[in-house]
C-alpha cells in the first residue's frame, strides 16, 4: 500500500549543552550500508524512521490523513528507537529535562522552510506527548547547561 501521508520533523537532543546526533537507521529493519552518511534502503521501514544523523525524522504512513494533521506523538518514535523519556531523563541522558517545540508554527508561518528560534516555546518536561506535525521542531535539553537553540531549515515540499 502506498504512503499517502509523508511529513518530516526535526528532533534535536542536547545533553548538558552538547548537541547529540540521532542514530542512523532507527525504524529500519536490516538497513543498507550508509552512502555518504545516508541510508537509502532497508528490508523494512517503520512508519517513523531516520535515514541519517541530521535530526530529521521521516514520517510515512498509508493512512489517508491530511498532512496538516498529526497522527503520531514523539513517544511513537521513542518506542521505535527503543528509549524512554520523562522529566528526569531522555534515553541514556540523565538530568532535568526541558522540551521546546516550534508549536506547529510551520503549518502556515514558515519562511521558505525556515523555522526560527524565536518561534520555539516551552512545551514542558516530558517530551512523550509532543504531536508530530509536518515541520515540527522539537528540542529536548537534558542537564543543567542549556544552549541557545538554533534555527532549523526544512525542504519546503513536506
N, C-alpha and C. Protein backbone atom coordinates (compact mmCIF):
# COMPACT_ATOMS: atom_id res chain seq x y z
N UNK A 1 0.85 -1.18 0.00
CA UNK A 1 0.00 0.00 0.00
C UNK A 1 0.90 1.24 0.00
N UNK A 2 0.60 2.23 -0.81
CA UNK A 2 1.48 3.41 -0.90
C UNK A 2 1.36 4.31 0.32
N UNK A 3 2.44 5.04 0.59
CA UNK A 3 2.43 6.01 1.68
C UNK A 3 1.74 7.29 1.20
N UNK A 4 0.58 7.57 1.75
CA UNK A 4 -0.16 8.77 1.37
C UNK A 4 0.09 9.92 2.34
N UNK A 5 0.66 9.61 3.49
CA UNK A 5 0.99 10.62 4.50
C UNK A 5 2.51 10.63 4.60
N UNK A 6 3.13 11.77 4.30
CA UNK A 6 4.60 11.85 4.32
C UNK A 6 5.00 13.25 4.79
N UNK A 7 5.53 13.31 6.01
CA UNK A 7 5.99 14.58 6.59
C UNK A 7 7.33 14.37 7.26
N UNK A 8 7.98 15.45 7.64
CA UNK A 8 9.25 15.40 8.36
C UNK A 8 9.17 16.28 9.59
N UNK A 9 9.86 15.85 10.65
CA UNK A 9 10.03 16.68 11.84
C UNK A 9 11.52 16.74 12.15
N UNK A 10 11.90 17.69 12.98
CA UNK A 10 13.28 17.77 13.44
C UNK A 10 13.30 17.50 14.93
N UNK A 11 14.20 16.62 15.36
CA UNK A 11 14.39 16.35 16.78
C UNK A 11 15.84 16.62 17.13
N UNK A 12 16.05 17.61 18.00
CA UNK A 12 17.38 17.92 18.49
C UNK A 12 17.48 17.56 19.96
N UNK A 13 18.54 16.86 20.33
CA UNK A 13 18.72 16.44 21.71
C UNK A 13 20.04 17.01 22.22
N UNK A 14 19.96 17.80 23.27
CA UNK A 14 21.16 18.35 23.91
C UNK A 14 21.38 17.66 25.23
N UNK A 15 22.58 17.13 25.44
CA UNK A 15 22.97 16.55 26.72
C UNK A 15 23.97 17.49 27.36
N UNK A 16 23.55 18.16 28.43
CA UNK A 16 24.41 19.09 29.15
C UNK A 16 25.05 20.12 28.21
N UNK A 17 24.25 20.60 27.26
CA UNK A 17 24.70 21.66 26.36
C UNK A 17 25.34 21.19 25.07
N UNK A 18 25.53 19.88 24.88
CA UNK A 18 26.15 19.34 23.67
C UNK A 18 25.09 18.68 22.80
N UNK A 19 25.00 19.10 21.54
CA UNK A 19 24.04 18.52 20.61
C UNK A 19 24.48 17.10 20.27
N UNK A 20 23.57 16.16 20.46
CA UNK A 20 23.84 14.75 20.18
C UNK A 20 23.18 14.37 18.85
N UNK A 21 23.85 13.55 18.06
CA UNK A 21 23.29 13.09 16.78
C UNK A 21 22.28 11.98 17.03
N UNK A 22 21.20 11.98 16.26
CA UNK A 22 20.27 10.86 16.33
C UNK A 22 20.93 9.65 15.66
N UNK A 23 20.56 8.45 16.09
CA UNK A 23 21.13 7.27 15.45
C UNK A 23 20.66 7.16 14.00
N UNK A 24 21.53 6.68 13.15
CA UNK A 24 21.19 6.47 11.75
C UNK A 24 20.41 5.16 11.63
N UNK A 25 19.37 5.16 10.83
CA UNK A 25 18.63 3.92 10.57
C UNK A 25 17.67 3.47 11.64
N UNK A 26 17.27 4.36 12.57
CA UNK A 26 16.24 3.94 13.52
C UNK A 26 14.95 3.75 12.73
N UNK A 27 14.19 2.76 13.10
CA UNK A 27 12.96 2.47 12.38
C UNK A 27 13.17 1.74 11.07
N UNK A 28 14.35 1.13 10.91
CA UNK A 28 14.64 0.35 9.71
C UNK A 28 15.09 -1.05 10.15
N UNK A 29 14.58 -2.05 9.45
CA UNK A 29 14.99 -3.43 9.69
C UNK A 29 16.04 -3.78 8.64
N UNK A 30 17.20 -4.20 9.09
CA UNK A 30 18.33 -4.55 8.21
C UNK A 30 18.62 -3.45 7.20
N UNK A 31 18.96 -2.24 7.70
CA UNK A 31 19.25 -1.15 6.76
C UNK A 31 20.49 -1.44 5.92
N UNK A 32 20.48 -0.92 4.69
CA UNK A 32 21.66 -0.99 3.83
C UNK A 32 22.77 -0.17 4.46
N UNK A 33 23.98 -0.40 4.03
CA UNK A 33 25.11 0.40 4.50
C UNK A 33 24.91 1.85 4.06
N UNK A 34 25.25 2.80 4.91
CA UNK A 34 25.09 4.19 4.52
C UNK A 34 26.00 4.57 3.35
N UNK A 35 25.51 5.44 2.51
CA UNK A 35 26.29 6.02 1.44
C UNK A 35 26.35 7.52 1.70
N UNK A 36 27.54 8.05 1.93
CA UNK A 36 27.70 9.46 2.30
C UNK A 36 26.85 9.83 3.51
N UNK A 37 26.76 8.90 4.48
CA UNK A 37 26.04 9.17 5.71
C UNK A 37 24.53 9.05 5.61
N UNK A 38 24.02 8.47 4.52
CA UNK A 38 22.57 8.38 4.30
C UNK A 38 22.22 6.94 3.94
N UNK A 39 21.23 6.37 4.64
CA UNK A 39 20.74 5.03 4.34
C UNK A 39 19.57 5.14 3.37
N UNK A 40 19.74 4.57 2.19
CA UNK A 40 18.69 4.65 1.16
C UNK A 40 17.69 3.51 1.21
N UNK A 41 18.08 2.36 1.74
CA UNK A 41 17.18 1.22 1.69
C UNK A 41 17.32 0.34 2.92
N UNK A 42 16.30 -0.50 3.09
CA UNK A 42 16.27 -1.45 4.19
C UNK A 42 15.31 -2.56 3.82
N UNK A 43 15.38 -3.64 4.57
CA UNK A 43 14.45 -4.75 4.34
C UNK A 43 13.02 -4.30 4.63
N UNK A 44 12.88 -3.45 5.65
CA UNK A 44 11.55 -2.98 6.06
C UNK A 44 11.71 -1.63 6.75
N UNK A 45 10.73 -0.74 6.58
CA UNK A 45 10.73 0.57 7.23
C UNK A 45 9.53 0.67 8.17
N UNK A 46 9.76 1.15 9.37
CA UNK A 46 8.65 1.57 10.22
C UNK A 46 8.11 2.88 9.66
N UNK A 47 6.90 3.24 10.09
CA UNK A 47 6.31 4.50 9.61
C UNK A 47 7.15 5.70 10.03
N UNK A 48 7.87 5.61 11.15
CA UNK A 48 8.77 6.67 11.60
C UNK A 48 10.19 6.13 11.54
N UNK A 49 11.09 6.87 10.88
CA UNK A 49 12.46 6.38 10.73
C UNK A 49 13.41 7.54 10.41
N UNK A 50 14.70 7.26 10.59
CA UNK A 50 15.75 8.22 10.23
C UNK A 50 16.63 7.60 9.16
N UNK A 51 17.02 8.43 8.19
CA UNK A 51 17.95 7.99 7.15
C UNK A 51 19.38 8.40 7.47
N UNK A 52 19.55 9.39 8.35
CA UNK A 52 20.88 9.90 8.67
C UNK A 52 20.88 10.42 10.10
N UNK A 53 21.93 11.13 10.48
CA UNK A 53 22.07 11.64 11.86
C UNK A 53 21.68 13.12 11.98
N UNK A 54 21.00 13.66 10.99
CA UNK A 54 20.73 15.10 10.93
C UNK A 54 19.70 15.60 11.94
N UNK A 55 18.89 14.70 12.50
CA UNK A 55 17.80 15.12 13.36
C UNK A 55 16.45 15.07 12.66
N UNK A 56 16.47 14.88 11.34
CA UNK A 56 15.22 14.78 10.60
C UNK A 56 14.64 13.38 10.77
N UNK A 57 13.39 13.33 11.22
CA UNK A 57 12.66 12.07 11.33
C UNK A 57 11.61 12.06 10.22
N UNK A 58 11.62 11.00 9.43
CA UNK A 58 10.67 10.84 8.33
C UNK A 58 9.45 10.11 8.86
N UNK A 59 8.28 10.63 8.54
CA UNK A 59 7.03 10.02 8.96
C UNK A 59 6.24 9.72 7.69
N UNK A 60 6.08 8.43 7.43
CA UNK A 60 5.40 7.99 6.22
C UNK A 60 4.38 6.93 6.62
N UNK A 61 3.16 7.08 6.16
CA UNK A 61 2.11 6.15 6.54
C UNK A 61 1.12 6.00 5.39
N UNK A 62 0.43 4.87 5.38
CA UNK A 62 -0.60 4.67 4.37
C UNK A 62 -1.97 5.14 4.85
N UNK A 63 -2.00 5.83 5.98
CA UNK A 63 -3.26 6.39 6.48
C UNK A 63 -3.68 7.55 5.59
N UNK A 64 -4.95 7.66 5.31
CA UNK A 64 -5.44 8.75 4.46
C UNK A 64 -5.79 9.96 5.32
N UNK A 65 -4.76 10.53 5.92
CA UNK A 65 -4.89 11.68 6.80
C UNK A 65 -4.22 12.87 6.13
N UNK A 66 -4.83 14.05 6.15
CA UNK A 66 -4.15 15.22 5.57
C UNK A 66 -2.83 15.49 6.28
N UNK A 67 -1.83 15.93 5.53
CA UNK A 67 -0.52 16.19 6.13
C UNK A 67 -0.54 17.37 7.09
N UNK A 68 -1.61 18.11 7.15
CA UNK A 68 -1.73 19.20 8.12
C UNK A 68 -2.10 18.69 9.51
N UNK A 69 -2.36 17.40 9.63
CA UNK A 69 -2.72 16.81 10.92
C UNK A 69 -1.59 15.94 11.44
N UNK A 70 -1.62 15.68 12.73
CA UNK A 70 -0.64 14.81 13.37
C UNK A 70 -1.30 13.46 13.65
N UNK A 71 -0.59 12.38 13.30
CA UNK A 71 -1.13 11.05 13.60
C UNK A 71 -0.27 10.31 14.61
N UNK A 72 0.87 10.88 14.98
CA UNK A 72 1.78 10.26 15.94
C UNK A 72 2.25 11.30 16.95
N UNK A 73 2.79 10.80 18.07
CA UNK A 73 3.46 11.66 19.04
C UNK A 73 4.93 11.26 19.09
N UNK A 74 5.72 12.05 19.78
CA UNK A 74 7.14 11.74 19.89
C UNK A 74 7.34 10.38 20.57
N UNK A 75 6.42 9.98 21.45
CA UNK A 75 6.55 8.67 22.11
C UNK A 75 6.56 7.55 21.08
N UNK A 76 5.83 7.68 19.99
CA UNK A 76 5.85 6.66 18.95
C UNK A 76 7.26 6.46 18.43
N UNK A 77 7.96 7.57 18.15
CA UNK A 77 9.33 7.46 17.66
C UNK A 77 10.27 6.93 18.76
N UNK A 78 10.08 7.38 19.98
CA UNK A 78 10.93 6.90 21.08
C UNK A 78 10.77 5.39 21.27
N UNK A 79 9.55 4.89 21.14
CA UNK A 79 9.32 3.45 21.24
C UNK A 79 10.05 2.69 20.14
N UNK A 80 10.00 3.21 18.91
CA UNK A 80 10.70 2.58 17.80
C UNK A 80 12.21 2.63 18.04
N UNK A 81 12.69 3.75 18.54
CA UNK A 81 14.11 3.93 18.85
C UNK A 81 14.54 3.00 19.98
N UNK A 82 13.60 2.69 20.88
CA UNK A 82 13.90 1.80 22.00
C UNK A 82 14.35 2.52 23.24
N UNK A 83 13.92 3.79 23.40
CA UNK A 83 14.30 4.54 24.60
C UNK A 83 13.05 5.07 25.30
N UNK A 84 13.21 5.46 26.54
CA UNK A 84 12.14 6.09 27.30
C UNK A 84 12.57 7.50 27.68
N UNK A 85 11.60 8.30 28.07
CA UNK A 85 11.89 9.68 28.47
C UNK A 85 10.86 10.13 29.49
N UNK A 86 11.29 11.00 30.37
CA UNK A 86 10.40 11.65 31.32
C UNK A 86 11.07 12.93 31.80
N UNK A 87 10.61 13.48 32.88
CA UNK A 87 11.13 14.76 33.36
C UNK A 87 12.57 14.69 33.86
N UNK A 88 13.11 13.47 34.05
CA UNK A 88 14.45 13.32 34.62
C UNK A 88 15.45 12.58 33.75
N UNK A 89 15.03 12.16 32.57
CA UNK A 89 15.97 11.51 31.66
C UNK A 89 15.40 11.46 30.24
N UNK A 90 16.30 11.33 29.30
CA UNK A 90 15.92 11.11 27.90
C UNK A 90 16.87 10.02 27.39
N UNK A 91 16.34 8.81 27.25
CA UNK A 91 17.20 7.69 26.87
C UNK A 91 18.33 7.56 27.87
N UNK A 92 19.58 7.52 27.38
CA UNK A 92 20.73 7.33 28.28
C UNK A 92 21.14 8.60 29.03
N UNK A 93 20.54 9.73 28.72
CA UNK A 93 20.96 11.00 29.30
C UNK A 93 20.15 11.31 30.56
N UNK A 94 20.85 11.58 31.65
CA UNK A 94 20.22 11.79 32.95
C UNK A 94 20.31 13.26 33.36
N UNK A 95 19.25 13.76 33.94
CA UNK A 95 19.20 15.12 34.44
C UNK A 95 17.84 15.72 34.17
N UNK A 96 17.63 16.94 34.65
CA UNK A 96 16.35 17.59 34.39
C UNK A 96 16.14 17.80 32.89
N UNK A 97 14.92 17.56 32.44
CA UNK A 97 14.57 17.65 31.02
C UNK A 97 13.70 18.87 30.78
N UNK A 98 14.04 19.60 29.72
CA UNK A 98 13.21 20.70 29.23
C UNK A 98 12.94 20.45 27.76
N UNK A 99 11.70 20.69 27.33
CA UNK A 99 11.31 20.45 25.94
C UNK A 99 10.78 21.74 25.35
N UNK A 100 11.28 22.08 24.17
CA UNK A 100 10.80 23.23 23.41
C UNK A 100 10.31 22.75 22.05
N UNK A 101 9.24 23.34 21.56
CA UNK A 101 8.74 23.00 20.23
C UNK A 101 8.50 24.28 19.44
N UNK A 102 8.33 24.09 18.16
CA UNK A 102 8.00 25.23 17.31
C UNK A 102 6.51 25.52 17.36
N UNK A 103 5.76 24.72 18.10
CA UNK A 103 4.34 24.97 18.24
C UNK A 103 3.59 24.85 16.94
N UNK A 104 4.07 24.00 16.07
CA UNK A 104 3.48 23.80 14.75
C UNK A 104 3.42 25.10 13.96
N UNK A 105 4.38 25.99 14.24
CA UNK A 105 4.44 27.26 13.51
C UNK A 105 4.56 27.01 12.02
N UNK A 106 5.10 25.86 11.67
CA UNK A 106 5.33 25.56 10.26
C UNK A 106 4.04 25.33 9.49
N UNK A 107 2.93 25.16 10.18
CA UNK A 107 1.69 24.89 9.47
C UNK A 107 1.12 26.14 8.82
N UNK A 108 1.95 27.07 8.46
CA UNK A 108 1.46 28.24 7.77
C UNK A 108 2.33 29.45 7.96
N UNK A 109 3.29 29.40 8.85
CA UNK A 109 4.09 30.57 9.15
C UNK A 109 5.57 30.39 8.81
N UNK A 110 5.89 29.43 7.96
CA UNK A 110 7.29 29.21 7.62
C UNK A 110 7.74 30.15 6.52
N UNK A 111 8.99 30.52 6.59
CA UNK A 111 9.59 31.38 5.58
C UNK A 111 10.56 30.53 4.76
N UNK A 112 10.10 30.01 3.63
CA UNK A 112 10.93 29.17 2.75
C UNK A 112 11.54 27.99 3.49
N UNK A 113 10.77 27.33 4.33
CA UNK A 113 11.24 26.14 5.03
C UNK A 113 12.02 26.42 6.30
N UNK A 114 12.12 27.66 6.72
CA UNK A 114 12.90 28.02 7.89
C UNK A 114 12.00 28.19 9.11
N UNK A 115 12.35 27.49 10.20
CA UNK A 115 11.69 27.70 11.49
C UNK A 115 12.73 28.38 12.37
N UNK A 116 12.43 29.59 12.80
CA UNK A 116 13.41 30.37 13.56
C UNK A 116 13.27 30.12 15.06
N UNK A 117 14.38 30.27 15.75
CA UNK A 117 14.43 30.03 17.19
C UNK A 117 13.44 30.91 17.95
N UNK A 118 13.11 32.07 17.42
CA UNK A 118 12.17 32.95 18.11
C UNK A 118 10.77 32.35 18.17
N UNK A 119 10.51 31.30 17.38
CA UNK A 119 9.20 30.65 17.39
C UNK A 119 9.08 29.51 18.38
N UNK A 120 10.16 29.12 19.04
CA UNK A 120 10.11 27.99 19.96
C UNK A 120 9.44 28.41 21.26
N UNK A 121 8.65 27.50 21.79
CA UNK A 121 8.01 27.74 23.07
C UNK A 121 8.27 26.54 23.98
N UNK A 122 8.24 26.80 25.26
CA UNK A 122 8.45 25.75 26.25
C UNK A 122 7.26 24.81 26.22
N UNK A 123 7.50 23.51 26.03
CA UNK A 123 6.44 22.50 26.00
C UNK A 123 6.20 21.95 27.40
N UNK A 124 7.27 21.67 28.10
CA UNK A 124 7.16 21.07 29.43
C UNK A 124 8.40 20.26 29.72
N UNK A 125 8.26 19.26 30.59
CA UNK A 125 9.41 18.47 30.99
C UNK A 125 9.34 17.02 30.52
N UNK A 126 8.26 16.61 29.89
CA UNK A 126 8.14 15.25 29.36
C UNK A 126 7.84 15.35 27.87
N UNK A 127 8.77 14.88 27.03
CA UNK A 127 8.59 15.03 25.58
C UNK A 127 7.62 14.04 24.95
N UNK A 128 7.17 13.06 25.68
CA UNK A 128 6.42 11.94 25.09
C UNK A 128 5.19 12.36 24.30
N UNK A 129 4.43 13.32 24.76
CA UNK A 129 3.16 13.64 24.13
C UNK A 129 3.22 14.76 23.09
N UNK A 130 4.41 15.15 22.68
CA UNK A 130 4.52 16.19 21.66
C UNK A 130 3.97 15.64 20.35
N UNK A 131 2.95 16.29 19.74
CA UNK A 131 2.43 15.81 18.47
C UNK A 131 3.42 16.08 17.35
N UNK A 132 3.47 15.19 16.37
CA UNK A 132 4.41 15.31 15.27
C UNK A 132 3.71 15.83 14.03
N UNK A 133 3.67 17.15 13.92
CA UNK A 133 3.12 17.81 12.73
C UNK A 133 4.23 18.00 11.70
N UNK A 134 3.84 18.21 10.48
CA UNK A 134 4.82 18.49 9.43
C UNK A 134 5.66 19.69 9.82
N UNK A 135 6.96 19.54 9.73
CA UNK A 135 7.95 20.58 10.02
C UNK A 135 7.94 21.03 11.47
N UNK A 136 7.48 20.16 12.35
CA UNK A 136 7.58 20.45 13.78
C UNK A 136 9.05 20.38 14.18
N UNK A 137 9.49 21.33 14.99
CA UNK A 137 10.83 21.32 15.55
C UNK A 137 10.70 21.03 17.03
N UNK A 138 11.45 20.03 17.50
CA UNK A 138 11.42 19.64 18.90
C UNK A 138 12.86 19.62 19.41
N UNK A 139 13.10 20.36 20.48
CA UNK A 139 14.40 20.31 21.15
C UNK A 139 14.20 19.77 22.55
N UNK A 140 14.99 18.76 22.89
CA UNK A 140 15.00 18.19 24.24
C UNK A 140 16.34 18.55 24.85
N UNK A 141 16.30 19.21 25.98
CA UNK A 141 17.52 19.60 26.70
C UNK A 141 17.58 18.80 28.00
N UNK A 142 18.71 18.16 28.22
CA UNK A 142 18.90 17.36 29.43
C UNK A 142 20.12 17.90 30.18
N UNK A 143 19.97 18.10 31.48
CA UNK A 143 21.09 18.56 32.28
C UNK A 143 20.99 20.02 32.65
N UNK A 144 21.96 20.52 33.37
CA UNK A 144 21.89 21.89 33.86
C UNK A 144 22.35 22.95 32.86
N UNK A 145 23.04 22.56 31.79
CA UNK A 145 23.53 23.56 30.83
C UNK A 145 22.62 23.60 29.60
N UNK A 146 22.14 24.80 29.29
CA UNK A 146 21.19 24.95 28.19
C UNK A 146 21.74 25.92 27.17
N UNK A 147 21.92 25.48 25.93
CA UNK A 147 22.47 26.35 24.89
C UNK A 147 21.39 27.22 24.27
N UNK A 148 21.82 28.20 23.49
CA UNK A 148 20.88 28.93 22.64
C UNK A 148 20.46 27.99 21.52
N UNK A 149 19.18 27.88 21.29
CA UNK A 149 18.68 26.94 20.28
C UNK A 149 18.79 27.55 18.88
N UNK A 150 19.17 26.74 17.89
CA UNK A 150 19.37 27.25 16.54
C UNK A 150 18.08 27.25 15.71
N UNK A 151 18.12 27.97 14.59
CA UNK A 151 17.08 27.87 13.58
C UNK A 151 17.17 26.51 12.92
N UNK A 152 16.07 26.05 12.32
CA UNK A 152 16.05 24.78 11.60
C UNK A 152 15.41 24.99 10.24
N UNK A 153 16.04 24.43 9.21
CA UNK A 153 15.51 24.53 7.84
C UNK A 153 15.03 23.17 7.36
N UNK A 154 13.93 23.20 6.63
CA UNK A 154 13.36 22.02 6.01
C UNK A 154 13.27 22.25 4.50
N UNK A 155 13.23 21.16 3.76
CA UNK A 155 12.81 21.27 2.37
C UNK A 155 11.35 21.67 2.40
N UNK A 156 10.91 22.50 1.49
CA UNK A 156 9.55 23.05 1.57
C UNK A 156 8.47 22.13 1.03
N UNK A 157 8.81 21.00 0.40
CA UNK A 157 7.77 20.18 -0.19
C UNK A 157 6.97 19.39 0.83
N UNK A 158 7.46 19.20 2.04
CA UNK A 158 6.70 18.41 3.02
C UNK A 158 6.38 19.24 4.24
